Amino acid sequence: QRTVAAARNSDTQDLHRAMAAAVIW
């Protein structure tokens, strides 16, 4: 309910950066 993540930490970091960029836009 609180997050979208990936099985690998590095993938999660890439995903969250992309999501944050969409919010900033």
mmCIF file of all heavy atoms, coordinates in Angstrom:
data_MODEL
# 
_entry.id   MODEL 
# 
loop_
_atom_site.group_PDB 
_atom_site.id 
_atom_site.type_symbol 
_atom_site.label_atom_id 
_atom_site.label_alt_id 
_atom_site.label_comp_id 
_atom_site.label_asym_id 
_atom_site.label_entity_id 
_atom_site.label_seq_id 
_atom_site.pdbx_PDB_ins_code 
_atom_site.Cartn_x 
_atom_site.Cartn_y 
_atom_site.Cartn_z 
_atom_site.occupancy 
_atom_site.B_iso_or_equiv 
_atom_site.pdbx_formal_charge 
_atom_site.auth_seq_id 
_atom_site.auth_comp_id 
_atom_site.auth_asym_id 
_atom_site.auth_atom_id 
_atom_site.pdbx_PDB_model_num 
ATOM 1   N N   . GLN A 1 1  ? 0.809  -1.215  0.000   1.00 0.00 ? 1  GLN A N   1 
ATOM 2   C CA  . GLN A 1 1  ? 0.000  0.000   0.000   1.00 0.00 ? 1  GLN A CA  1 
ATOM 3   C C   . GLN A 1 1  ? 0.842  1.266   0.000   1.00 0.00 ? 1  GLN A C   1 
ATOM 4   O O   . GLN A 1 1  ? 0.357  2.335   -0.383  1.00 0.00 ? 1  GLN A O   1 
ATOM 5   C CB  . GLN A 1 1  ? -0.938 0.007   1.200   1.00 0.00 ? 1  GLN A CB  1 
ATOM 6   C CG  . GLN A 1 1  ? -2.035 -1.056  1.126   1.00 0.00 ? 1  GLN A CG  1 
ATOM 7   C CD  . GLN A 1 1  ? -2.979 -0.987  2.305   1.00 0.00 ? 1  GLN A CD  1 
ATOM 8   O OE1 . GLN A 1 1  ? -2.670 -0.362  3.314   1.00 0.00 ? 1  GLN A OE1 1 
ATOM 9   N NE2 . GLN A 1 1  ? -4.131 -1.624  2.176   1.00 0.00 ? 1  GLN A NE2 1 
ATOM 10  N N   . ARG A 1 2  ? 2.097  1.159   0.394   1.00 0.00 ? 2  ARG A N   1 
ATOM 11  C CA  . ARG A 1 2  ? 2.913  2.358   0.566   1.00 0.00 ? 2  ARG A CA  1 
ATOM 12  C C   . ARG A 1 2  ? 4.000  2.536   -0.496  1.00 0.00 ? 2  ARG A C   1 
ATOM 13  O O   . ARG A 1 2  ? 4.553  3.632   -0.622  1.00 0.00 ? 2  ARG A O   1 
ATOM 14  C CB  . ARG A 1 2  ? 3.578  2.345   1.951   1.00 0.00 ? 2  ARG A CB  1 
ATOM 15  C CG  . ARG A 1 2  ? 2.572  2.376   3.104   1.00 0.00 ? 2  ARG A CG  1 
ATOM 16  C CD  . ARG A 1 2  ? 3.296  2.528   4.431   1.00 0.00 ? 2  ARG A CD  1 
ATOM 17  N NE  . ARG A 1 2  ? 4.113  3.731   4.473   1.00 0.00 ? 2  ARG A NE  1 
ATOM 18  C CZ  . ARG A 1 2  ? 3.634  4.942   4.739   1.00 0.00 ? 2  ARG A CZ  1 
ATOM 19  N NH1 . ARG A 1 2  ? 2.341  5.110   4.991   1.00 0.00 ? 2  ARG A NH1 1 
ATOM 20  N NH2 . ARG A 1 2  ? 4.441  5.984   4.760   1.00 0.00 ? 2  ARG A NH2 1 
ATOM 21  N N   . THR A 1 3  ? 4.305  1.499   -1.240  1.00 0.00 ? 3  THR A N   1 
ATOM 22  C CA  . THR A 1 3  ? 5.424  1.648   -2.164  1.00 0.00 ? 3  THR A CA  1 
ATOM 23  C C   . THR A 1 3  ? 5.347  0.692   -3.341  1.00 0.00 ? 3  THR A C   1 
ATOM 24  O O   . THR A 1 3  ? 4.681  -0.350  -3.277  1.00 0.00 ? 3  THR A O   1 
ATOM 25  C CB  . THR A 1 3  ? 6.766  1.435   -1.423  1.00 0.00 ? 3  THR A CB  1 
ATOM 26  O OG1 . THR A 1 3  ? 7.851  1.779   -2.290  1.00 0.00 ? 3  THR A OG1 1 
ATOM 27  C CG2 . THR A 1 3  ? 6.926  -0.022  -1.015  1.00 0.00 ? 3  THR A CG2 1 
ATOM 28  N N   . VAL A 1 4  ? 6.028  1.085   -4.397  1.00 0.00 ? 4  VAL A N   1 
ATOM 29  C CA  . VAL A 1 4  ? 6.295  0.220   -5.547  1.00 0.00 ? 4  VAL A CA  1 
ATOM 30  C C   . VAL A 1 4  ? 7.803  -0.002  -5.546  1.00 0.00 ? 4  VAL A C   1 
ATOM 31  O O   . VAL A 1 4  ? 8.568  0.959   -5.482  1.00 0.00 ? 4  VAL A O   1 
ATOM 32  C CB  . VAL A 1 4  ? 5.874  0.882   -6.878  1.00 0.00 ? 4  VAL A CB  1 
ATOM 33  C CG1 . VAL A 1 4  ? 6.094  -0.078  -8.047  1.00 0.00 ? 4  VAL A CG1 1 
ATOM 34  C CG2 . VAL A 1 4  ? 4.440  1.348   -6.819  1.00 0.00 ? 4  VAL A CG2 1 
ATOM 35  N N   . ALA A 1 5  ? 8.214  -1.242  -5.614  1.00 0.00 ? 5  ALA A N   1 
ATOM 36  C CA  . ALA A 1 5  ? 9.640  -1.539  -5.510  1.00 0.00 ? 5  ALA A CA  1 
ATOM 37  C C   . ALA A 1 5  ? 9.999  -2.699  -6.431  1.00 0.00 ? 5  ALA A C   1 
ATOM 38  O O   . ALA A 1 5  ? 9.157  -3.255  -7.137  1.00 0.00 ? 5  ALA A O   1 
ATOM 39  C CB  . ALA A 1 5  ? 10.019 -1.863  -4.060  1.00 0.00 ? 5  ALA A CB  1 
ATOM 40  N N   . ALA A 1 6  ? 11.292 -3.047  -6.411  1.00 0.00 ? 6  ALA A N   1 
ATOM 41  C CA  . ALA A 1 6  ? 11.811 -4.140  -7.221  1.00 0.00 ? 6  ALA A CA  1 
ATOM 42  C C   . ALA A 1 6  ? 12.512 -5.143  -6.326  1.00 0.00 ? 6  ALA A C   1 
ATOM 43  O O   . ALA A 1 6  ? 12.856 -4.853  -5.171  1.00 0.00 ? 6  ALA A O   1 
ATOM 44  C CB  . ALA A 1 6  ? 12.779 -3.604  -8.281  1.00 0.00 ? 6  ALA A CB  1 
ATOM 45  N N   . ALA A 1 7  ? 12.741 -6.327  -6.858  1.00 0.00 ? 7  ALA A N   1 
ATOM 46  C CA  . ALA A 1 7  ? 13.415 -7.373  -6.084  1.00 0.00 ? 7  ALA A CA  1 
ATOM 47  C C   . ALA A 1 7  ? 14.869 -6.994  -5.798  1.00 0.00 ? 7  ALA A C   1 
ATOM 48  O O   . ALA A 1 7  ? 15.433 -7.371  -4.769  1.00 0.00 ? 7  ALA A O   1 
ATOM 49  C CB  . ALA A 1 7  ? 13.342 -8.709  -6.820  1.00 0.00 ? 7  ALA A CB  1 
ATOM 50  N N   . ARG A 1 8  ? 15.502 -6.249  -6.728  1.00 0.00 ? 8  ARG A N   1 
ATOM 51  C CA  . ARG A 1 8  ? 16.881 -5.803  -6.531  1.00 0.00 ? 8  ARG A CA  1 
ATOM 52  C C   . ARG A 1 8  ? 16.893 -4.353  -6.051  1.00 0.00 ? 8  ARG A C   1 
ATOM 53  O O   . ARG A 1 8  ? 16.157 -3.507  -6.563  1.00 0.00 ? 8  ARG A O   1 
ATOM 54  C CB  . ARG A 1 8  ? 17.668 -5.892  -7.843  1.00 0.00 ? 8  ARG A CB  1 
ATOM 55  C CG  . ARG A 1 8  ? 17.913 -7.309  -8.345  1.00 0.00 ? 8  ARG A CG  1 
ATOM 56  C CD  . ARG A 1 8  ? 18.849 -7.257  -9.552  1.00 0.00 ? 8  ARG A CD  1 
ATOM 57  N NE  . ARG A 1 8  ? 19.071 -8.560  -10.130 1.00 0.00 ? 8  ARG A NE  1 
ATOM 58  C CZ  . ARG A 1 8  ? 19.884 -8.780  -11.170 1.00 0.00 ? 8  ARG A CZ  1 
ATOM 59  N NH1 . ARG A 1 8  ? 20.533 -7.763  -11.727 1.00 0.00 ? 8  ARG A NH1 1 
ATOM 60  N NH2 . ARG A 1 8  ? 20.042 -10.000 -11.645 1.00 0.00 ? 8  ARG A NH2 1 
ATOM 61  N N   . ASN A 1 9  ? 17.756 -4.049  -5.086  1.00 0.00 ? 9  ASN A N   1 
ATOM 62  C CA  . ASN A 1 9  ? 17.834 -2.687  -4.562  1.00 0.00 ? 9  ASN A CA  1 
ATOM 63  C C   . ASN A 1 9  ? 18.208 -1.683  -5.646  1.00 0.00 ? 9  ASN A C   1 
ATOM 64  O O   . ASN A 1 9  ? 17.666 -0.571  -5.698  1.00 0.00 ? 9  ASN A O   1 
ATOM 65  C CB  . ASN A 1 9  ? 18.847 -2.617  -3.420  1.00 0.00 ? 9  ASN A CB  1 
ATOM 66  C CG  . ASN A 1 9  ? 18.346 -3.301  -2.159  1.00 0.00 ? 9  ASN A CG  1 
ATOM 67  O OD1 . ASN A 1 9  ? 17.134 -3.414  -1.960  1.00 0.00 ? 9  ASN A OD1 1 
ATOM 68  N ND2 . ASN A 1 9  ? 19.256 -3.756  -1.321  1.00 0.00 ? 9  ASN A ND2 1 
ATOM 69  N N   . SER A 1 10 ? 19.143 -2.065  -6.517  1.00 0.00 ? 10 SER A N   1 
ATOM 70  C CA  . SER A 1 10 ? 19.567 -1.140  -7.572  1.00 0.00 ? 10 SER A CA  1 
ATOM 71  C C   . SER A 1 10 ? 18.416 -0.836  -8.527  1.00 0.00 ? 10 SER A C   1 
ATOM 72  O O   . SER A 1 10 ? 18.260 0.309   -8.986  1.00 0.00 ? 10 SER A O   1 
ATOM 73  C CB  . SER A 1 10 ? 20.754 -1.719  -8.346  1.00 0.00 ? 10 SER A CB  1 
ATOM 74  O OG  . SER A 1 10 ? 20.416 -2.971  -8.929  1.00 0.00 ? 10 SER A OG  1 
ATOM 75  N N   . ASP A 1 11 ? 17.580 -1.847  -8.817  1.00 0.00 ? 11 ASP A N   1 
ATOM 76  C CA  . ASP A 1 11 ? 16.418 -1.617  -9.675  1.00 0.00 ? 11 ASP A CA  1 
ATOM 77  C C   . ASP A 1 11 ? 15.410 -0.697  -8.989  1.00 0.00 ? 11 ASP A C   1 
ATOM 78  O O   . ASP A 1 11 ? 14.800 0.163   -9.620  1.00 0.00 ? 11 ASP A O   1 
ATOM 79  C CB  . ASP A 1 11 ? 15.745 -2.941  -10.030 1.00 0.00 ? 11 ASP A CB  1 
ATOM 80  C CG  . ASP A 1 11 ? 16.576 -3.804  -10.971 1.00 0.00 ? 11 ASP A CG  1 
ATOM 81  O OD1 . ASP A 1 11 ? 17.570 -3.278  -11.517 1.00 0.00 ? 11 ASP A OD1 1 
ATOM 82  O OD2 . ASP A 1 11 ? 16.240 -4.990  -11.149 1.00 0.00 ? 11 ASP A OD2 1 
ATOM 83  N N   . THR A 1 12 ? 15.217 -0.881  -7.682  1.00 0.00 ? 12 THR A N   1 
ATOM 84  C CA  . THR A 1 12 ? 14.308 -0.024  -6.922  1.00 0.00 ? 12 THR A CA  1 
ATOM 85  C C   . THR A 1 12 ? 14.768 1.432   -6.966  1.00 0.00 ? 12 THR A C   1 
ATOM 86  O O   . THR A 1 12 ? 13.964 2.353   -7.142  1.00 0.00 ? 12 THR A O   1 
ATOM 87  C CB  . THR A 1 12 ? 14.204 -0.494  -5.463  1.00 0.00 ? 12 THR A CB  1 
ATOM 88  O OG1 . THR A 1 12 ? 13.667 -1.812  -5.422  1.00 0.00 ? 12 THR A OG1 1 
ATOM 89  C CG2 . THR A 1 12 ? 13.312 0.430   -4.649  1.00 0.00 ? 12 THR A CG2 1 
ATOM 90  N N   . GLN A 1 13 ? 16.073 1.655   -6.812  1.00 0.00 ? 13 GLN A N   1 
ATOM 91  C CA  . GLN A 1 13 ? 16.603 3.017   -6.852  1.00 0.00 ? 13 GLN A CA  1 
ATOM 92  C C   . GLN A 1 13 ? 16.350 3.658   -8.213  1.00 0.00 ? 13 GLN A C   1 
ATOM 93  O O   . GLN A 1 13 ? 15.924 4.830   -8.298  1.00 0.00 ? 13 GLN A O   1 
ATOM 94  C CB  . GLN A 1 13 ? 18.092 3.001   -6.536  1.00 0.00 ? 13 GLN A CB  1 
ATOM 95  C CG  . GLN A 1 13 ? 18.407 2.596   -5.091  1.00 0.00 ? 13 GLN A CG  1 
ATOM 96  C CD  . GLN A 1 13 ? 19.885 2.377   -4.850  1.00 0.00 ? 13 GLN A CD  1 
ATOM 97  O OE1 . GLN A 1 13 ? 20.718 2.658   -5.718  1.00 0.00 ? 13 GLN A OE1 1 
ATOM 98  N NE2 . GLN A 1 13 ? 20.236 1.872   -3.677  1.00 0.00 ? 13 GLN A NE2 1 
ATOM 99  N N   . ASP A 1 14 ? 16.597 2.911   -9.287  1.00 0.00 ? 14 ASP A N   1 
ATOM 100 C CA  . ASP A 1 14 ? 16.335 3.446   -10.633 1.00 0.00 ? 14 ASP A CA  1 
ATOM 101 C C   . ASP A 1 14 ? 14.852 3.766   -10.815 1.00 0.00 ? 14 ASP A C   1 
ATOM 102 O O   . ASP A 1 14 ? 14.490 4.805   -11.372 1.00 0.00 ? 14 ASP A O   1 
ATOM 103 C CB  . ASP A 1 14 ? 16.763 2.427   -11.698 1.00 0.00 ? 14 ASP A CB  1 
ATOM 104 C CG  . ASP A 1 14 ? 18.268 2.249   -11.777 1.00 0.00 ? 14 ASP A CG  1 
ATOM 105 O OD1 . ASP A 1 14 ? 18.993 3.129   -11.277 1.00 0.00 ? 14 ASP A OD1 1 
ATOM 106 O OD2 . ASP A 1 14 ? 18.709 1.220   -12.326 1.00 0.00 ? 14 ASP A OD2 1 
ATOM 107 N N   . LEU A 1 15 ? 13.990 2.864   -10.333 1.00 0.00 ? 15 LEU A N   1 
ATOM 108 C CA  . LEU A 1 15 ? 12.551 3.058   -10.468 1.00 0.00 ? 15 LEU A CA  1 
ATOM 109 C C   . LEU A 1 15 ? 12.084 4.291   -9.707  1.00 0.00 ? 15 LEU A C   1 
ATOM 110 O O   . LEU A 1 15 ? 11.328 5.116   -10.228 1.00 0.00 ? 15 LEU A O   1 
ATOM 111 C CB  . LEU A 1 15 ? 11.821 1.806   -9.967  1.00 0.00 ? 15 LEU A CB  1 
ATOM 112 C CG  . LEU A 1 15 ? 10.290 1.829   -10.011 1.00 0.00 ? 15 LEU A CG  1 
ATOM 113 C CD1 . LEU A 1 15 ? 9.796  1.956   -11.446 1.00 0.00 ? 15 LEU A CD1 1 
ATOM 114 C CD2 . LEU A 1 15 ? 9.722  0.563   -9.363  1.00 0.00 ? 15 LEU A CD2 1 
ATOM 115 N N   . HIS A 1 16 ? 12.540 4.444   -8.463  1.00 0.00 ? 16 HIS A N   1 
ATOM 116 C CA  . HIS A 1 16 ? 12.108 5.579   -7.650  1.00 0.00 ? 16 HIS A CA  1 
ATOM 117 C C   . HIS A 1 16 ? 12.627 6.903   -8.212  1.00 0.00 ? 16 HIS A C   1 
ATOM 118 O O   . HIS A 1 16 ? 11.938 7.939   -8.114  1.00 0.00 ? 16 HIS A O   1 
ATOM 119 C CB  . HIS A 1 16 ? 12.563 5.390   -6.204  1.00 0.00 ? 16 HIS A CB  1 
ATOM 120 C CG  . HIS A 1 16 ? 11.757 4.359   -5.471  1.00 0.00 ? 16 HIS A CG  1 
ATOM 121 N ND1 . HIS A 1 16 ? 12.003 3.984   -4.168  1.00 0.00 ? 16 HIS A ND1 1 
ATOM 122 C CD2 . HIS A 1 16 ? 10.691 3.604   -5.874  1.00 0.00 ? 16 HIS A CD2 1 
ATOM 123 C CE1 . HIS A 1 16 ? 11.129 3.059   -3.791  1.00 0.00 ? 16 HIS A CE1 1 
ATOM 124 N NE2 . HIS A 1 16 ? 10.334 2.814   -4.809  1.00 0.00 ? 16 HIS A NE2 1 
ATOM 125 N N   . ARG A 1 17 ? 13.826 6.891   -8.790  1.00 0.00 ? 17 ARG A N   1 
ATOM 126 C CA  . ARG A 1 17 ? 14.333 8.125   -9.415  1.00 0.00 ? 17 ARG A CA  1 
ATOM 127 C C   . ARG A 1 17 ? 13.436 8.534   -10.586 1.00 0.00 ? 17 ARG A C   1 
ATOM 128 O O   . ARG A 1 17 ? 13.118 9.716   -10.763 1.00 0.00 ? 17 ARG A O   1 
ATOM 129 C CB  . ARG A 1 17 ? 15.774 7.920   -9.887  1.00 0.00 ? 17 ARG A CB  1 
ATOM 130 C CG  . ARG A 1 17 ? 16.820 8.138   -8.811  1.00 0.00 ? 17 ARG A CG  1 
ATOM 131 C CD  . ARG A 1 17 ? 18.212 8.269   -9.417  1.00 0.00 ? 17 ARG A CD  1 
ATOM 132 N NE  . ARG A 1 17 ? 18.666 7.023   -10.013 1.00 0.00 ? 17 ARG A NE  1 
ATOM 133 C CZ  . ARG A 1 17 ? 19.380 6.105   -9.369  1.00 0.00 ? 17 ARG A CZ  1 
ATOM 134 N NH1 . ARG A 1 17 ? 19.727 6.307   -8.094  1.00 0.00 ? 17 ARG A NH1 1 
ATOM 135 N NH2 . ARG A 1 17 ? 19.769 5.004   -9.980  1.00 0.00 ? 17 ARG A NH2 1 
ATOM 136 N N   . ALA A 1 18 ? 13.033 7.549   -11.389 1.00 0.00 ? 18 ALA A N   1 
ATOM 137 C CA  . ALA A 1 18 ? 12.174 7.850   -12.531 1.00 0.00 ? 18 ALA A CA  1 
ATOM 138 C C   . ALA A 1 18 ? 10.801 8.337   -12.075 1.00 0.00 ? 18 ALA A C   1 
ATOM 139 O O   . ALA A 1 18 ? 10.230 9.271   -12.662 1.00 0.00 ? 18 ALA A O   1 
ATOM 140 C CB  . ALA A 1 18 ? 12.032 6.614   -13.411 1.00 0.00 ? 18 ALA A CB  1 
ATOM 141 N N   . MET A 1 19 ? 10.241 7.713   -11.028 1.00 0.00 ? 19 MET A N   1 
ATOM 142 C CA  . MET A 1 19 ? 8.947  8.133   -10.504 1.00 0.00 ? 19 MET A CA  1 
ATOM 143 C C   . MET A 1 19 ? 9.025  9.549   -9.926  1.00 0.00 ? 19 MET A C   1 
ATOM 144 O O   . MET A 1 19 ? 8.136  10.378  -10.143 1.00 0.00 ? 19 MET A O   1 
ATOM 145 C CB  . MET A 1 19 ? 8.465  7.136   -9.446  1.00 0.00 ? 19 MET A CB  1 
ATOM 146 C CG  . MET A 1 19 ? 8.155  5.742   -10.006 1.00 0.00 ? 19 MET A CG  1 
ATOM 147 S SD  . MET A 1 19 ? 7.931  4.477   -8.711  1.00 0.00 ? 19 MET A SD  1 
ATOM 148 C CE  . MET A 1 19 ? 6.391  5.033   -7.960  1.00 0.00 ? 19 MET A CE  1 
ATOM 149 N N   . ALA A 1 20 ? 10.104 9.834   -9.181  1.00 0.00 ? 20 ALA A N   1 
ATOM 150 C CA  . ALA A 1 20 ? 10.271 11.171  -8.606  1.00 0.00 ? 20 ALA A CA  1 
ATOM 151 C C   . ALA A 1 20 ? 10.401 12.226  -9.699  1.00 0.00 ? 20 ALA A C   1 
ATOM 152 O O   . ALA A 1 20 ? 9.873  13.336  -9.574  1.00 0.00 ? 20 ALA A O   1 
ATOM 153 C CB  . ALA A 1 20 ? 11.499 11.196  -7.697  1.00 0.00 ? 20 ALA A CB  1 
ATOM 154 N N   . ALA A 1 21 ? 11.085 11.888  -10.785 1.00 0.00 ? 21 ALA A N   1 
ATOM 155 C CA  . ALA A 1 21 ? 11.225 12.833  -11.905 1.00 0.00 ? 21 ALA A CA  1 
ATOM 156 C C   . ALA A 1 21 ? 9.869  13.136  -12.520 1.00 0.00 ? 21 ALA A C   1 
ATOM 157 O O   . ALA A 1 21 ? 9.603  14.275  -12.944 1.00 0.00 ? 21 ALA A O   1 
ATOM 158 C CB  . ALA A 1 21 ? 12.176 12.261  -12.951 1.00 0.00 ? 21 ALA A CB  1 
ATOM 159 N N   . ALA A 1 22 ? 8.983  12.138  -12.593 1.00 0.00 ? 22 ALA A N   1 
ATOM 160 C CA  . ALA A 1 22 ? 7.640  12.364  -13.137 1.00 0.00 ? 22 ALA A CA  1 
ATOM 161 C C   . ALA A 1 22 ? 6.856  13.322  -12.241 1.00 0.00 ? 22 ALA A C   1 
ATOM 162 O O   . ALA A 1 22 ? 6.132  14.203  -12.731 1.00 0.00 ? 22 ALA A O   1 
ATOM 163 C CB  . ALA A 1 22 ? 6.902  11.025  -13.267 1.00 0.00 ? 22 ALA A CB  1 
ATOM 164 N N   . VAL A 1 23 ? 6.985  13.173  -10.934 1.00 0.00 ? 23 VAL A N   1 
ATOM 165 C CA  . VAL A 1 23 ? 6.294  14.059  -9.995  1.00 0.00 ? 23 VAL A CA  1 
ATOM 166 C C   . VAL A 1 23 ? 6.819  15.490  -10.131 1.00 0.00 ? 23 VAL A C   1 
ATOM 167 O O   . VAL A 1 23 ? 6.054  16.463  -10.153 1.00 0.00 ? 23 VAL A O   1 
ATOM 168 C CB  . VAL A 1 23 ? 6.466  13.552  -8.549  1.00 0.00 ? 23 VAL A CB  1 
ATOM 169 C CG1 . VAL A 1 23 ? 5.944  14.591  -7.552  1.00 0.00 ? 23 VAL A CG1 1 
ATOM 170 C CG2 . VAL A 1 23 ? 5.737  12.224  -8.365  1.00 0.00 ? 23 VAL A CG2 1 
ATOM 171 N N   . ILE A 1 24 ? 8.147  15.621  -10.235 1.00 0.00 ? 24 ILE A N   1 
ATOM 172 C CA  . ILE A 1 24 ? 8.753  16.954  -10.379 1.00 0.00 ? 24 ILE A CA  1 
ATOM 173 C C   . ILE A 1 24 ? 8.266  17.620  -11.665 1.00 0.00 ? 24 ILE A C   1 
ATOM 174 O O   . ILE A 1 24 ? 7.966  18.817  -11.690 1.00 0.00 ? 24 ILE A O   1 
ATOM 175 C CB  . ILE A 1 24 ? 10.288 16.843  -10.367 1.00 0.00 ? 24 ILE A CB  1 
ATOM 176 C CG1 . ILE A 1 24 ? 10.768 16.430  -8.961  1.00 0.00 ? 24 ILE A CG1 1 
ATOM 177 C CG2 . ILE A 1 24 ? 10.933 18.162  -10.781 1.00 0.00 ? 24 ILE A CG2 1 
ATOM 178 C CD1 . ILE A 1 24 ? 12.241 16.117  -8.891  1.00 0.00 ? 24 ILE A CD1 1 
ATOM 179 N N   . TRP A 1 25 ? 8.166  16.853  -12.744 1.00 0.00 ? 25 TRP A N   1 
ATOM 180 C CA  . TRP A 1 25 ? 7.685  17.406  -14.015 1.00 0.00 ? 25 TRP A CA  1 
ATOM 181 C C   . TRP A 1 25 ? 6.273  17.958  -13.851 1.00 0.00 ? 25 TRP A C   1 
ATOM 182 O O   . TRP A 1 25 ? 5.970  19.028  -14.365 1.00 0.00 ? 25 TRP A O   1 
ATOM 183 C CB  . TRP A 1 25 ? 7.705  16.325  -15.089 1.00 0.00 ? 25 TRP A CB  1 
ATOM 184 C CG  . TRP A 1 25 ? 7.348  16.847  -16.454 1.00 0.00 ? 25 TRP A CG  1 
ATOM 185 C CD1 . TRP A 1 25 ? 8.209  17.307  -17.406 1.00 0.00 ? 25 TRP A CD1 1 
ATOM 186 C CD2 . TRP A 1 25 ? 6.034  16.959  -17.016 1.00 0.00 ? 25 TRP A CD2 1 
ATOM 187 N NE1 . TRP A 1 25 ? 7.517  17.716  -18.522 1.00 0.00 ? 25 TRP A NE1 1 
ATOM 188 C CE2 . TRP A 1 25 ? 6.180  17.511  -18.319 1.00 0.00 ? 25 TRP A CE2 1 
ATOM 189 C CE3 . TRP A 1 25 ? 4.757  16.660  -16.564 1.00 0.00 ? 25 TRP A CE3 1 
ATOM 190 C CZ2 . TRP A 1 25 ? 5.093  17.751  -19.145 1.00 0.00 ? 25 TRP A CZ2 1 
ATOM 191 C CZ3 . TRP A 1 25 ? 3.672  16.913  -17.390 1.00 0.00 ? 25 TRP A CZ3 1 
ATOM 192 C CH2 . TRP A 1 25 ? 3.840  17.447  -18.664 1.00 0.00 ? 25 TRP A CH2 1 
# 
